[in-house]
Protein backbone atom coordinates (compact mmCIF):
# COMPACT_ATOMS: atom_id res chain seq x y z
CA MET A 1 0.00 0.00 0.00
CA LYS A 2 1.13 3.54 -0.58
CA SER A 3 0.14 4.43 2.97
CA THR A 4 -0.77 2.71 6.18
CA ASN A 5 -4.39 3.86 5.85
CA HIS A 6 -5.94 0.42 5.74
CA THR A 7 -9.31 1.81 6.87
CA ALA A 8 -9.71 3.83 3.66
CA PHE A 9 -8.80 0.84 1.48
CA GLN A 10 -11.14 -1.47 3.39
CA HIS A 11 -13.96 1.06 2.94
CA PHE A 12 -13.16 1.25 -0.78
CA LEU A 13 -13.36 -2.55 -1.03
CA SER A 14 -16.72 -2.63 0.73
CA THR A 15 -18.16 -0.27 -1.89
CA GLN A 16 -16.98 -2.26 -4.93
CA GLU A 17 -19.74 -4.50 -6.30
CA ALA A 18 -17.24 -6.53 -8.34
CA VAL A 19 -15.28 -7.49 -5.21
CA LYS A 20 -17.01 -10.60 -3.91
CA GLU A 21 -14.54 -11.50 -1.14
CA ALA A 22 -11.75 -9.56 0.56
CA TYR A 23 -9.30 -10.79 3.19
CA ARG A 24 -6.49 -9.10 5.06
CA ILE A 25 -3.64 -11.61 5.00
CA SER A 26 -0.19 -12.23 6.43
CA GLY A 27 2.93 -12.75 4.38
CA GLU A 28 3.69 -11.06 1.10
CA GLY A 29 1.00 -8.54 0.29
CA CYS A 30 -1.68 -7.24 2.61
CA TYR A 31 -4.93 -8.33 0.98
CA TRP A 32 -6.40 -11.17 -1.05
CA LEU A 33 -9.42 -10.27 -3.18
CA LYS A 34 -11.84 -12.33 -5.20
CA ALA A 35 -13.65 -10.31 -7.86
CA ALA A 36 -16.09 -11.18 -10.62
CA LEU A 37 -15.72 -9.09 -13.75
CA SER A 38 -17.28 -9.39 -17.19
CA ASN A 39 -14.42 -8.19 -19.34
CA GLN A 40 -10.91 -6.75 -19.52
CA GLN A 41 -12.20 -3.17 -19.38
CA GLU A 42 -13.92 -3.79 -16.03
CA LEU A 43 -10.74 -5.41 -14.70
CA ASN A 44 -8.65 -2.43 -15.80
CA GLN A 45 -11.09 -0.02 -14.12
CA LEU A 46 -10.90 -1.93 -10.83
CA LEU A 47 -7.10 -2.13 -10.98
CA ASP A 48 -6.84 1.60 -11.71
CA ALA A 49 -9.03 2.31 -8.68
CA ILE A 50 -6.88 0.04 -6.50
CA LEU A 51 -3.75 1.94 -7.60
CA VAL A 52 -5.03 4.98 -5.69
CA HIS A 53 -4.40 2.96 -2.52
CA GLY A 54 -1.32 0.97 -3.51
CA ASN A 55 0.28 -1.47 -5.91
CA TYR A 56 -1.12 -4.89 -6.64
CA ARG A 57 -0.15 -8.28 -7.96
CA ILE A 58 -2.75 -10.17 -9.96
CA ASN A 59 -3.43 -13.86 -10.48
CA LEU A 60 -6.28 -14.95 -12.73
CA SER A 61 -8.33 -18.10 -12.35
CA ILE A 62 -8.74 -19.82 -15.70
CA HIS A 63 -10.65 -22.93 -14.62
CA THR A 64 -12.41 -24.25 -11.51
CA ILE A 65 -11.35 -27.79 -10.68
CA LYS A 66 -13.14 -28.17 -7.36
CA LYS A 67 -15.25 -25.86 -5.24
CA THR A 68 -16.50 -26.90 -1.84
CA LYS A 69 -19.09 -24.86 0.00
CA MET A 70 -17.72 -24.13 3.46
CA LEU A 71 -19.83 -23.95 6.58
CA MET A 72 -19.28 -20.19 6.94
CA ASP A 73 -20.45 -19.66 3.32
CA VAL A 74 -23.98 -20.79 4.21
């Protein structure tokens, strides 16, 4: 992050409809996000908005192999 203002970034995440899950994590990086976007343009818009708060690293899911519904997802 560009600053230590995690509260502002967390508020930003809570207002983003495309962000379906957001976790503050340990290790490399501060957050892990799961977003659902329709196209590359929507992805670019979200990434540009995230850049206001800090840098990012992106990994894209290309295929679901297994998905188990967890108790807390109910």
